[in-house]
């Protein structure tokens, strides 16, 4: 069971790649997202909820197994953050790349309340919530930027 927890928490070991594990985890998220993107909105939102619950449990368990609070290799939170960012994303590779960079920006900079969750809430919920909020910021930014871009183009 420990191996399964580590595999899920590390995004099937993408978080164990050298240098910038969060970036690797965010990139790895694009693979399953590509196949999930055609879900209906209710099904997609249900999937987000399931990934959140799964992430809450495996991230909290993985940090105990790795004996390190919010260990770098734990990237299920980045995976969920990317899934949130790309909710209803335009069907265009440029939008997906922009979403990736926006999420990484907000995940790294941690604007309030991301920083509050990151600093004050520990365990699985703390690991997940700062990335949930970063994903929401990135989602809103992506949708606004794409909307303006479409208006400029027409």
C-alpha atoms as a PDB file:
ATOM      1  CA  UNK A   1       0.000   0.000   0.000  1.00  0.00           C
ATOM      2  CA  UNK A   2       2.891   2.382   0.759  1.00  0.00           C
ATOM      3  CA  UNK A   3       4.158   2.014  -2.811  1.00  0.00           C
ATOM      4  CA  UNK A   4       0.741   2.916  -4.218  1.00  0.00           C
ATOM      5  CA  UNK A   5       0.516   5.983  -1.959  1.00  0.00           C
ATOM      6  CA  UNK A   6       3.970   7.165  -3.062  1.00  0.00           C
ATOM      7  CA  UNK A   7       3.186   6.479  -6.728  1.00  0.00           C
ATOM      8  CA  UNK A   8      -0.031   8.520  -6.575  1.00  0.00           C
ATOM      9  CA  UNK A   9       1.386  11.322  -4.430  1.00  0.00           C
ATOM     10  CA  UNK A  10       4.406  11.748  -6.702  1.00  0.00           C
ATOM     11  CA  UNK A  11       2.388  11.742  -9.910  1.00  0.00           C
ATOM     12  CA  UNK A  12       3.689   8.298 -10.811  1.00  0.00           C
ATOM     13  CA  UNK A  13       7.184   9.422  -9.827  1.00  0.00           C
ATOM     14  CA  UNK A  14       7.242  12.600 -11.951  1.00  0.00           C
ATOM     15  CA  UNK A  15       7.821  14.478  -8.683  1.00  0.00           C
ATOM     16  CA  UNK A  16      11.006  12.516  -8.148  1.00  0.00           C
ATOM     17  CA  UNK A  17      12.640  13.918 -11.288  1.00  0.00           C
ATOM     18  CA  UNK A  18      15.611  16.153 -10.506  1.00  0.00           C
ATOM     19  CA  UNK A  19      15.186  19.917 -10.059  1.00  0.00           C
ATOM     20  CA  UNK A  20      11.767  21.596  -9.883  1.00  0.00           C
ATOM     21  CA  UNK A  21       9.525  18.649  -8.972  1.00  0.00           C
ATOM     22  CA  UNK A  22       6.425  20.872  -8.998  1.00  0.00           C
ATOM     23  CA  UNK A  23       7.089  21.813 -12.603  1.00  0.00           C
ATOM     24  CA  UNK A  24       7.531  18.162 -13.583  1.00  0.00           C
ATOM     25  CA  UNK A  25       4.315  17.270 -11.771  1.00  0.00           C
ATOM     26  CA  UNK A  26       2.483  20.109 -13.529  1.00  0.00           C
ATOM     27  CA  UNK A  27       3.770  18.910 -16.898  1.00  0.00           C
ATOM     28  CA  UNK A  28       2.831  15.318 -16.094  1.00  0.00           C
ATOM     29  CA  UNK A  29      -0.716  16.505 -15.318  1.00  0.00           C
ATOM     30  CA  UNK A  30      -1.175  17.448 -18.967  1.00  0.00           C
ATOM     31  CA  UNK A  31      -1.185  13.785 -20.021  1.00  0.00           C
ATOM     32  CA  UNK A  32      -4.246  12.614 -18.072  1.00  0.00           C
ATOM     33  CA  UNK A  33      -5.880  16.029 -18.484  1.00  0.00           C
ATOM     34  CA  UNK A  34      -5.707  15.673 -22.274  1.00  0.00           C
ATOM     35  CA  UNK A  35      -7.886  12.566 -22.036  1.00  0.00           C
ATOM     36  CA  UNK A  36     -10.222  14.007 -19.384  1.00  0.00           C
ATOM     37  CA  UNK A  37     -10.807  17.385 -21.039  1.00  0.00           C
ATOM     38  CA  UNK A  38     -13.785  16.166 -23.077  1.00  0.00           C
ATOM     39  CA  UNK A  39     -15.791  15.225 -19.978  1.00  0.00           C
ATOM     40  CA  UNK A  40     -19.023  17.113 -19.460  1.00  0.00           C
ATOM     41  CA  UNK A  41     -18.643  19.950 -16.965  1.00  0.00           C
ATOM     42  CA  UNK A  42     -20.497  18.093 -14.163  1.00  0.00           C
ATOM     43  CA  UNK A  43     -18.344  14.980 -14.728  1.00  0.00           C
ATOM     44  CA  UNK A  44     -15.175  17.111 -14.847  1.00  0.00           C
ATOM     45  CA  UNK A  45     -16.097  18.862 -11.579  1.00  0.00           C
ATOM     46  CA  UNK A  46     -16.806  15.491  -9.975  1.00  0.00           C
ATOM     47  CA  UNK A  47     -13.378  14.302 -11.138  1.00  0.00           C
ATOM     48  CA  UNK A  48     -11.796  17.415  -9.553  1.00  0.00           C
ATOM     49  CA  UNK A  49     -13.525  16.614  -6.276  1.00  0.00           C
ATOM     50  CA  UNK A  50     -12.334  13.007  -6.397  1.00  0.00           C
ATOM     51  CA  UNK A  51      -8.744  14.049  -7.135  1.00  0.00           C
ATOM     52  CA  UNK A  52      -8.922  16.516  -4.231  1.00  0.00           C
ATOM     53  CA  UNK A  53     -10.094  13.827  -1.799  1.00  0.00           C
ATOM     54  CA  UNK A  54      -7.537  11.332  -3.122  1.00  0.00           C
ATOM     55  CA  UNK A  55      -4.820  14.003  -2.914  1.00  0.00           C
ATOM     56  CA  UNK A  56      -5.779  14.918   0.637  1.00  0.00           C
ATOM     57  CA  UNK A  57      -5.285  11.331   1.771  1.00  0.00           C
ATOM     58  CA  UNK A  58      -2.221  10.361  -0.263  1.00  0.00           C
ATOM     59  CA  UNK A  59      -0.357  13.661   0.254  1.00  0.00           C
ATOM     60  CA  UNK A  60      -0.821  13.462   4.003  1.00  0.00           C
ATOM     61  CA  UNK A  61       0.221   9.814   4.062  1.00  0.00           C
ATOM     62  CA  UNK A  62       3.168  10.383   1.712  1.00  0.00           C
ATOM     63  CA  UNK A  63       4.635  13.158   3.829  1.00  0.00           C
ATOM     64  CA  UNK A  64       4.643  10.714   6.762  1.00  0.00           C
ATOM     65  CA  UNK A  65       6.214   7.974   4.633  1.00  0.00           C
ATOM     66  CA  UNK A  66       8.847  10.397   3.312  1.00  0.00           C
ATOM     67  CA  UNK A  67       9.274  11.825   6.824  1.00  0.00           C
ATOM     68  CA  UNK A  68       9.170  15.386   5.501  1.00  0.00           C
ATOM     69  CA  UNK A  69       6.405  18.004   5.680  1.00  0.00           C
ATOM     70  CA  UNK A  70       5.116  18.944   2.210  1.00  0.00           C
ATOM     71  CA  UNK A  71       7.986  17.048   0.597  1.00  0.00           C
ATOM     72  CA  UNK A  72       9.007  18.269  -2.864  1.00  0.00           C
ATOM     73  CA  UNK A  73       8.275  14.953  -4.611  1.00  0.00           C
ATOM     74  CA  UNK A  74       4.601  15.168  -3.589  1.00  0.00           C
ATOM     75  CA  UNK A  75       3.015  16.640  -6.709  1.00  0.00           C
ATOM     76  CA  UNK A  76      -0.580  15.428  -6.629  1.00  0.00           C
ATOM     77  CA  UNK A  77      -1.402  18.973  -5.527  1.00  0.00           C
ATOM     78  CA  UNK A  78       0.185  20.384  -8.698  1.00  0.00           C
ATOM     79  CA  UNK A  79      -1.734  17.851 -10.762  1.00  0.00           C
ATOM     80  CA  UNK A  80      -5.014  19.017  -9.236  1.00  0.00           C
ATOM     81  CA  UNK A  81      -3.940  22.655  -9.645  1.00  0.00           C
ATOM     82  CA  UNK A  82      -3.357  22.096 -13.357  1.00  0.00           C
ATOM     83  CA  UNK A  83      -6.685  20.293 -13.718  1.00  0.00           C
ATOM     84  CA  UNK A  84      -8.377  23.307 -12.084  1.00  0.00           C
ATOM     85  CA  UNK A  85      -6.444  25.776 -14.259  1.00  0.00           C
ATOM     86  CA  UNK A  86      -7.507  23.983 -17.426  1.00  0.00           C
ATOM     87  CA  UNK A  87     -11.195  23.677 -16.496  1.00  0.00           C
ATOM     88  CA  UNK A  88     -13.120  24.754 -19.619  1.00  0.00           C
ATOM     89  CA  UNK A  89      -9.826  25.726 -21.272  1.00  0.00           C
ATOM     90  CA  UNK A  90     -10.080  26.750 -24.903  1.00  0.00           C
ATOM     91  CA  UNK A  91      -9.350  23.904 -27.296  1.00  0.00           C
ATOM     92  CA  UNK A  92      -6.042  25.354 -28.408  1.00  0.00           C
ATOM     93  CA  UNK A  93      -2.471  24.315 -27.503  1.00  0.00           C
ATOM     94  CA  UNK A  94      -1.528  27.964 -26.859  1.00  0.00           C
ATOM     95  CA  UNK A  95      -4.200  28.140 -24.145  1.00  0.00           C
ATOM     96  CA  UNK A  96      -2.860  24.961 -22.549  1.00  0.00           C
ATOM     97  CA  UNK A  97       0.704  26.320 -22.525  1.00  0.00           C
ATOM     98  CA  UNK A  98      -0.501  29.651 -21.152  1.00  0.00           C
ATOM     99  CA  UNK A  99      -2.444  27.788 -18.453  1.00  0.00           C
ATOM    100  CA  UNK A 100       0.677  25.844 -17.508  1.00  0.00           C
ATOM    101  CA  UNK A 101       2.762  29.018 -17.126  1.00  0.00           C
ATOM    102  CA  UNK A 102       0.010  30.858 -15.246  1.00  0.00           C
ATOM    103  CA  UNK A 103      -0.378  27.989 -12.804  1.00  0.00           C
ATOM    104  CA  UNK A 104       3.368  27.737 -12.236  1.00  0.00           C
ATOM    105  CA  UNK A 105       3.506  31.517 -11.652  1.00  0.00           C
ATOM    106  CA  UNK A 106       0.752  31.470  -9.022  1.00  0.00           C
ATOM    107  CA  UNK A 107       2.036  28.258  -7.443  1.00  0.00           C
ATOM    108  CA  UNK A 108       5.537  29.708  -7.042  1.00  0.00           C
ATOM    109  CA  UNK A 109       4.540  33.259  -6.033  1.00  0.00           C
ATOM    110  CA  UNK A 110       1.776  32.069  -3.693  1.00  0.00           C
ATOM    111  CA  UNK A 111      -0.361  35.238  -3.501  1.00  0.00           C
ATOM    112  CA  UNK A 112      -2.749  35.434  -0.548  1.00  0.00           C
ATOM    113  CA  UNK A 113      -4.487  33.196   0.468  1.00  0.00           C
ATOM    114  CA  UNK A 114      -2.166  30.582  -1.115  1.00  0.00           C
ATOM    115  CA  UNK A 115       0.639  31.683   1.197  1.00  0.00           C
ATOM    116  CA  UNK A 116      -1.648  31.553   4.229  1.00  0.00           C
ATOM    117  CA  UNK A 117      -2.557  27.911   3.549  1.00  0.00           C
ATOM    118  CA  UNK A 118       1.050  27.057   2.718  1.00  0.00           C
ATOM    119  CA  UNK A 119       2.381  28.536   5.956  1.00  0.00           C
ATOM    120  CA  UNK A 120      -0.375  27.772   8.465  1.00  0.00           C
ATOM    121  CA  UNK A 121      -2.255  24.643   7.435  1.00  0.00           C
ATOM    122  CA  UNK A 122      -0.342  21.384   7.555  1.00  0.00           C
ATOM    123  CA  UNK A 123      -0.943  17.829   6.416  1.00  0.00           C
ATOM    124  CA  UNK A 124      -2.910  16.768   3.366  1.00  0.00           C
ATOM    125  CA  UNK A 125      -5.315  19.719   3.411  1.00  0.00           C
ATOM    126  CA  UNK A 126      -2.514  22.282   3.568  1.00  0.00           C
ATOM    127  CA  UNK A 127      -0.590  20.556   0.794  1.00  0.00           C
ATOM    128  CA  UNK A 128      -3.639  20.577  -1.464  1.00  0.00           C
ATOM    129  CA  UNK A 129      -5.251  23.941  -0.707  1.00  0.00           C
ATOM    130  CA  UNK A 130      -2.488  26.334  -1.766  1.00  0.00           C
ATOM    131  CA  UNK A 131      -2.460  24.648  -5.182  1.00  0.00           C
ATOM    132  CA  UNK A 132      -6.255  24.655  -5.395  1.00  0.00           C
ATOM    133  CA  UNK A 133      -6.202  28.430  -4.914  1.00  0.00           C
ATOM    134  CA  UNK A 134      -3.263  28.882  -7.311  1.00  0.00           C
ATOM    135  CA  UNK A 135      -5.277  26.847  -9.820  1.00  0.00           C
ATOM    136  CA  UNK A 136      -8.313  29.091  -9.338  1.00  0.00           C
ATOM    137  CA  UNK A 137      -6.167  32.202  -9.866  1.00  0.00           C
ATOM    138  CA  UNK A 138      -4.640  30.657 -12.988  1.00  0.00           C
ATOM    139  CA  UNK A 139      -8.070  29.553 -14.268  1.00  0.00           C
ATOM    140  CA  UNK A 140      -9.487  33.069 -13.880  1.00  0.00           C
ATOM    141  CA  UNK A 141      -6.399  34.619 -15.485  1.00  0.00           C
ATOM    142  CA  UNK A 142      -6.421  32.188 -18.404  1.00  0.00           C
ATOM    143  CA  UNK A 143     -10.111  32.768 -19.111  1.00  0.00           C
ATOM    144  CA  UNK A 144      -9.717  36.568 -18.935  1.00  0.00           C
ATOM    145  CA  UNK A 145      -6.585  36.644 -21.089  1.00  0.00           C
ATOM    146  CA  UNK A 146      -8.136  34.316 -23.665  1.00  0.00           C
ATOM    147  CA  UNK A 147     -11.357  36.348 -23.734  1.00  0.00           C
ATOM    148  CA  UNK A 148      -9.445  39.577 -24.374  1.00  0.00           C
ATOM    149  CA  UNK A 149      -7.226  37.868 -26.967  1.00  0.00           C
ATOM    150  CA  UNK A 150     -10.308  36.582 -28.828  1.00  0.00           C
ATOM    151  CA  UNK A 151     -11.850  40.077 -28.804  1.00  0.00           C
ATOM    152  CA  UNK A 152      -8.643  41.624 -30.156  1.00  0.00           C
ATOM    153  CA  UNK A 153      -8.475  38.994 -32.911  1.00  0.00           C
ATOM    154  CA  UNK A 154     -12.056  39.544 -34.092  1.00  0.00           C
END
